[in-house]
Amino acid sequence: MRWNSSFFVVLKKICKFGVDKISMVLYSVYITYKQLRRGVIDLKIYQNSNEPIYKQIATQLREQILTGKLRAGDPLPSIRGLAQDLKISVITTMKAYEELSQEGLVTSSKGKGYYVNAQDERMLKEQHMRQLEQHLSDAIYSARIAGVGLEEVEQTLEALWNIDE
């Protein structure tokens, strides 16, 4: 399937502030790819982020696959096309796609590009559990830095859990 490269790049000034008489301007690049007859893939790349660009790409594509926005058989944008549109190296795009491939989320088809794999329920649950474990690890780290004890963390988690009920 062909990708309609009707993308737009919006460079938006997020904020401007002075640091030792040096003004720093932060920009974000917002890319939208529209796929013919199949929906839309949105990628938001933040040039000023501490997270590498390949990780930003992989994270956002992973999320779209796991939530079902991208379905089995859907093609990903071509490596060269995505790199050109984002004004990044082909190697960066390739690294993001290889990460997804190693996780079993996409498959490379020689000469055709990368396609989303069918996701079974067990694998989806495992992927979600990995994400949950990572977020909880980050929360535990933050709690320890703040001097918050396990009991208070459990109470906070329970309160947050019950908000949506």
C-alpha atoms as a PDB file:
ATOM      1  CA  MET A   1       0.000   0.000   0.000  1.00  0.00           C
ATOM      2  CA  ARG A   2       1.210   3.492  -0.879  1.00  0.00           C
ATOM      3  CA  TRP A   3       1.535   6.287   1.653  1.00  0.00           C
ATOM      4  CA  ASN A   4       0.168   9.656   0.718  1.00  0.00           C
ATOM      5  CA  SER A   5       2.877  11.947   1.980  1.00  0.00           C
ATOM      6  CA  SER A   6       0.335  14.667   2.672  1.00  0.00           C
ATOM      7  CA  PHE A   7       2.122  15.504   5.830  1.00  0.00           C
ATOM      8  CA  PHE A   8       2.576  18.814   7.445  1.00  0.00           C
ATOM      9  CA  VAL A   9       5.340  19.954   9.683  1.00  0.00           C
ATOM     10  CA  VAL A  10       4.402  22.533  12.228  1.00  0.00           C
ATOM     11  CA  LEU A  11       7.241  24.170  14.055  1.00  0.00           C
ATOM     12  CA  LYS A  12       5.619  25.713  17.037  1.00  0.00           C
ATOM     13  CA  LYS A  13       7.358  27.849  19.562  1.00  0.00           C
ATOM     14  CA  ILE A  14       6.537  26.274  22.915  1.00  0.00           C
ATOM     15  CA  CYS A  15       8.289  28.643  25.191  1.00  0.00           C
ATOM     16  CA  LYS A  16      11.094  31.151  25.318  1.00  0.00           C
ATOM     17  CA  PHE A  17      13.125  31.830  28.384  1.00  0.00           C
ATOM     18  CA  GLY A  18      16.486  33.304  29.256  1.00  0.00           C
ATOM     19  CA  VAL A  19      19.343  31.419  30.855  1.00  0.00           C
ATOM     20  CA  ASP A  20      22.413  33.530  31.607  1.00  0.00           C
ATOM     21  CA  LYS A  21      21.447  36.023  28.900  1.00  0.00           C
ATOM     22  CA  ILE A  22      21.065  33.205  26.349  1.00  0.00           C
ATOM     23  CA  SER A  23      17.564  32.749  24.986  1.00  0.00           C
ATOM     24  CA  MET A  24      16.548  29.177  24.357  1.00  0.00           C
ATOM     25  CA  VAL A  25      13.636  28.350  22.125  1.00  0.00           C
ATOM     26  CA  LEU A  26      12.047  24.934  22.245  1.00  0.00           C
ATOM     27  CA  TYR A  27      10.361  23.515  19.196  1.00  0.00           C
ATOM     28  CA  SER A  28       8.259  20.510  18.540  1.00  0.00           C
ATOM     29  CA  VAL A  29       7.731  18.873  15.218  1.00  0.00           C
ATOM     30  CA  TYR A  30       4.335  17.438  14.569  1.00  0.00           C
ATOM     31  CA  ILE A  31       4.074  15.028  11.686  1.00  0.00           C
ATOM     32  CA  THR A  32       0.895  13.473  10.397  1.00  0.00           C
ATOM     33  CA  TYR A  33       0.890  10.732   7.844  1.00  0.00           C
ATOM     34  CA  LYS A  34      -2.339   9.889   6.111  1.00  0.00           C
ATOM     35  CA  GLN A  35      -2.553   6.394   4.796  1.00  0.00           C
ATOM     36  CA  LEU A  36      -4.829   5.745   1.857  1.00  0.00           C
ATOM     37  CA  ARG A  37      -7.974   3.867   2.957  1.00  0.00           C
ATOM     38  CA  ARG A  38      -6.532   2.880   6.338  1.00  0.00           C
ATOM     39  CA  GLY A  39      -6.495   5.758   8.800  1.00  0.00           C
ATOM     40  CA  VAL A  40      -3.857   8.039  10.204  1.00  0.00           C
ATOM     41  CA  ILE A  41      -0.535   7.629  11.980  1.00  0.00           C
ATOM     42  CA  ASP A  42       0.397  10.579  14.169  1.00  0.00           C
ATOM     43  CA  LEU A  43       3.958  11.096  15.300  1.00  0.00           C
ATOM     44  CA  LYS A  44       4.953  13.946  17.575  1.00  0.00           C
ATOM     45  CA  ILE A  45       8.702  14.403  17.660  1.00  0.00           C
ATOM     46  CA  TYR A  46      10.205  16.761  20.205  1.00  0.00           C
ATOM     47  CA  GLN A  47      13.644  17.918  19.108  1.00  0.00           C
ATOM     48  CA  ASN A  48      14.322  19.311  22.591  1.00  0.00           C
ATOM     49  CA  SER A  49      13.466  16.071  24.417  1.00  0.00           C
ATOM     50  CA  ASN A  50      16.026  14.121  26.413  1.00  0.00           C
ATOM     51  CA  GLU A  51      14.599  10.967  24.817  1.00  0.00           C
ATOM     52  CA  PRO A  52      16.361  10.022  21.556  1.00  0.00           C
ATOM     53  CA  ILE A  53      14.310  10.527  18.391  1.00  0.00           C
ATOM     54  CA  TYR A  54      14.356   6.813  17.503  1.00  0.00           C
ATOM     55  CA  LYS A  55      12.878   6.042  20.942  1.00  0.00           C
ATOM     56  CA  GLN A  56      10.149   8.669  20.443  1.00  0.00           C
ATOM     57  CA  ILE A  57       9.229   7.097  17.094  1.00  0.00           C
ATOM     58  CA  ALA A  58       9.280   3.531  18.461  1.00  0.00           C
ATOM     59  CA  THR A  59       7.276   4.470  21.569  1.00  0.00           C
ATOM     60  CA  GLN A  60       4.527   6.198  19.609  1.00  0.00           C
ATOM     61  CA  LEU A  61       4.260   3.452  16.984  1.00  0.00           C
ATOM     62  CA  ARG A  62       4.254   0.785  19.739  1.00  0.00           C
ATOM     63  CA  GLU A  63       1.405   2.581  21.492  1.00  0.00           C
ATOM     64  CA  GLN A  64      -0.613   2.801  18.268  1.00  0.00           C
ATOM     65  CA  ILE A  65      -0.084  -0.914  17.615  1.00  0.00           C
ATOM     66  CA  LEU A  66      -0.964  -1.993  21.163  1.00  0.00           C
ATOM     67  CA  THR A  67      -4.093   0.146  21.278  1.00  0.00           C
ATOM     68  CA  GLY A  68      -5.279  -1.213  17.938  1.00  0.00           C
ATOM     69  CA  LYS A  69      -5.012   2.048  16.014  1.00  0.00           C
ATOM     70  CA  LEU A  70      -2.589   0.211  13.735  1.00  0.00           C
ATOM     71  CA  ARG A  71      -3.882  -3.252  12.864  1.00  0.00           C
ATOM     72  CA  ALA A  72      -2.297  -6.434  11.575  1.00  0.00           C
ATOM     73  CA  GLY A  73      -1.104  -5.976   8.014  1.00  0.00           C
ATOM     74  CA  ASP A  74      -0.967  -2.189   8.140  1.00  0.00           C
ATOM     75  CA  PRO A  75       2.237  -0.874   6.552  1.00  0.00           C
ATOM     76  CA  LEU A  76       4.490   1.553   8.365  1.00  0.00           C
ATOM     77  CA  PRO A  77       5.803   4.590   6.484  1.00  0.00           C
ATOM     78  CA  SER A  78       8.871   3.798   4.389  1.00  0.00           C
ATOM     79  CA  ILE A  79      12.152   4.199   6.233  1.00  0.00           C
ATOM     80  CA  ARG A  80      13.493   6.735   3.756  1.00  0.00           C
ATOM     81  CA  GLY A  81      10.211   8.623   3.490  1.00  0.00           C
ATOM     82  CA  LEU A  82       9.853   8.963   7.250  1.00  0.00           C
ATOM     83  CA  ALA A  83      13.489  10.020   7.609  1.00  0.00           C
ATOM     84  CA  GLN A  84      13.095  12.615   4.879  1.00  0.00           C
ATOM     85  CA  ASP A  85       9.860  14.000   6.307  1.00  0.00           C
ATOM     86  CA  LEU A  86      11.254  14.205   9.832  1.00  0.00           C
ATOM     87  CA  LYS A  87      14.582  15.524   8.531  1.00  0.00           C
ATOM     88  CA  ILE A  88      16.471  12.842  10.409  1.00  0.00           C
ATOM     89  CA  SER A  89      18.911  10.128   9.441  1.00  0.00           C
ATOM     90  CA  VAL A  90      17.704   6.940   7.774  1.00  0.00           C
ATOM     91  CA  ILE A  91      19.702   5.119  10.463  1.00  0.00           C
ATOM     92  CA  THR A  92      17.543   6.719  13.177  1.00  0.00           C
ATOM     93  CA  THR A  93      14.337   5.540  11.518  1.00  0.00           C
ATOM     94  CA  MET A  94      15.829   2.096  10.906  1.00  0.00           C
ATOM     95  CA  LYS A  95      16.790   1.831  14.590  1.00  0.00           C
ATOM     96  CA  ALA A  96      13.188   2.592  15.666  1.00  0.00           C
ATOM     97  CA  TYR A  97      11.762  -0.008  13.270  1.00  0.00           C
ATOM     98  CA  GLU A  98      14.319  -2.632  14.313  1.00  0.00           C
ATOM     99  CA  GLU A  99      13.373  -2.100  17.970  1.00  0.00           C
ATOM    100  CA  LEU A 100       9.717  -2.783  17.107  1.00  0.00           C
ATOM    101  CA  SER A 101      10.756  -5.783  15.030  1.00  0.00           C
ATOM    102  CA  GLN A 102      12.763  -7.257  17.916  1.00  0.00           C
ATOM    103  CA  GLU A 103       9.665  -6.933  20.103  1.00  0.00           C
ATOM    104  CA  GLY A 104       7.664  -8.863  17.502  1.00  0.00           C
ATOM    105  CA  LEU A 105       5.313  -5.984  16.762  1.00  0.00           C
ATOM    106  CA  VAL A 106       6.328  -5.513  13.117  1.00  0.00           C
ATOM    107  CA  THR A 107       7.900  -7.591  10.362  1.00  0.00           C
ATOM    108  CA  SER A 108      10.156  -6.499   7.560  1.00  0.00           C
ATOM    109  CA  SER A 109       9.255  -7.635   4.069  1.00  0.00           C
ATOM    110  CA  LYS A 110      12.262  -7.334   1.751  1.00  0.00           C
ATOM    111  CA  GLY A 111      11.647  -4.650  -0.827  1.00  0.00           C
ATOM    112  CA  LYS A 112       8.201  -3.799   0.556  1.00  0.00           C
ATOM    113  CA  GLY A 113       8.863  -2.277   3.978  1.00  0.00           C
ATOM    114  CA  TYR A 114       7.622  -2.955   7.494  1.00  0.00           C
ATOM    115  CA  TYR A 115       4.159  -4.285   8.348  1.00  0.00           C
ATOM    116  CA  VAL A 116       2.316  -4.616  11.653  1.00  0.00           C
ATOM    117  CA  ASN A 117       2.144  -8.204  12.934  1.00  0.00           C
ATOM    118  CA  ALA A 118      -1.016  -9.839  14.224  1.00  0.00           C
ATOM    119  CA  GLN A 119      -1.096  -9.457  17.991  1.00  0.00           C
ATOM    120  CA  ASP A 120      -2.331 -12.281  20.166  1.00  0.00           C
ATOM    121  CA  GLU A 121      -3.952 -11.508  23.502  1.00  0.00           C
ATOM    122  CA  ARG A 122      -1.150 -13.080  25.539  1.00  0.00           C
ATOM    123  CA  MET A 123       1.509 -11.018  23.808  1.00  0.00           C
ATOM    124  CA  LEU A 124      -0.531  -7.823  24.135  1.00  0.00           C
ATOM    125  CA  LYS A 125      -0.983  -8.425  27.850  1.00  0.00           C
ATOM    126  CA  GLU A 126       2.763  -9.057  28.211  1.00  0.00           C
ATOM    127  CA  GLN A 127       3.558  -5.802  26.368  1.00  0.00           C
ATOM    128  CA  HIS A 128       1.144  -3.863  28.595  1.00  0.00           C
ATOM    129  CA  MET A 129       2.642  -5.481  31.697  1.00  0.00           C
ATOM    130  CA  ARG A 130       6.141  -4.392  30.603  1.00  0.00           C
ATOM    131  CA  GLN A 131       4.904  -0.838  30.222  1.00  0.00           C
ATOM    132  CA  LEU A 132       3.151  -0.990  33.602  1.00  0.00           C
ATOM    133  CA  GLU A 133       6.306  -2.319  35.281  1.00  0.00           C
ATOM    134  CA  GLN A 134       8.368   0.481  33.741  1.00  0.00           C
ATOM    135  CA  HIS A 135       5.915   3.165  34.880  1.00  0.00           C
ATOM    136  CA  LEU A 136       5.719   1.673  38.375  1.00  0.00           C
ATOM    137  CA  SER A 137       9.526   1.522  38.562  1.00  0.00           C
ATOM    138  CA  ASP A 138       9.656   5.208  37.642  1.00  0.00           C
ATOM    139  CA  ALA A 139       7.013   5.982  40.285  1.00  0.00           C
ATOM    140  CA  ILE A 140       8.903   4.019  42.961  1.00  0.00           C
ATOM    141  CA  TYR A 141      12.105   5.869  42.089  1.00  0.00           C
ATOM    142  CA  SER A 142      10.292   9.219  42.405  1.00  0.00           C
ATOM    143  CA  ALA A 143       8.680   8.162  45.689  1.00  0.00           C
ATOM    144  CA  ARG A 144      12.040   7.189  47.181  1.00  0.00           C
ATOM    145  CA  ILE A 145      13.583  10.501  46.140  1.00  0.00           C
ATOM    146  CA  ALA A 146      10.640  12.344  47.727  1.00  0.00           C
ATOM    147  CA  GLY A 147      10.882  10.261  50.904  1.00  0.00           C
ATOM    148  CA  VAL A 148       7.420   8.757  50.440  1.00  0.00           C
ATOM    149  CA  GLY A 149       6.940   5.365  52.095  1.00  0.00           C
ATOM    150  CA  LEU A 150       5.404   2.194  50.667  1.00  0.00           C
ATOM    151  CA  GLU A 151       2.209   2.618  52.687  1.00  0.00           C
ATOM    152  CA  GLU A 152       1.599   6.096  51.272  1.00  0.00           C
ATOM    153  CA  VAL A 153       2.378   4.887  47.741  1.00  0.00           C
ATOM    154  CA  GLU A 154      -0.150   2.062  48.140  1.00  0.00           C
ATOM    155  CA  GLN A 155      -2.792   4.524  49.387  1.00  0.00           C
ATOM    156  CA  THR A 156      -2.123   6.832  46.446  1.00  0.00           C
ATOM    157  CA  LEU A 157      -2.315   3.940  43.992  1.00  0.00           C
ATOM    158  CA  GLU A 158      -5.581   2.737  45.502  1.00  0.00           C
ATOM    159  CA  ALA A 159      -7.067   6.240  45.383  1.00  0.00           C
ATOM    160  CA  LEU A 160      -6.061   6.648  41.740  1.00  0.00           C
ATOM    161  CA  TRP A 161      -7.367   3.167  40.923  1.00  0.00           C
ATOM    162  CA  ASN A 162     -10.767   4.014  42.402  1.00  0.00           C
ATOM    163  CA  ILE A 163     -11.159   7.350  40.600  1.00  0.00           C
ATOM    164  CA  ASP A 164     -12.509   5.717  37.421  1.00  0.00           C
ATOM    165  CA  GLU A 165     -14.838   3.267  39.152  1.00  0.00           C
END
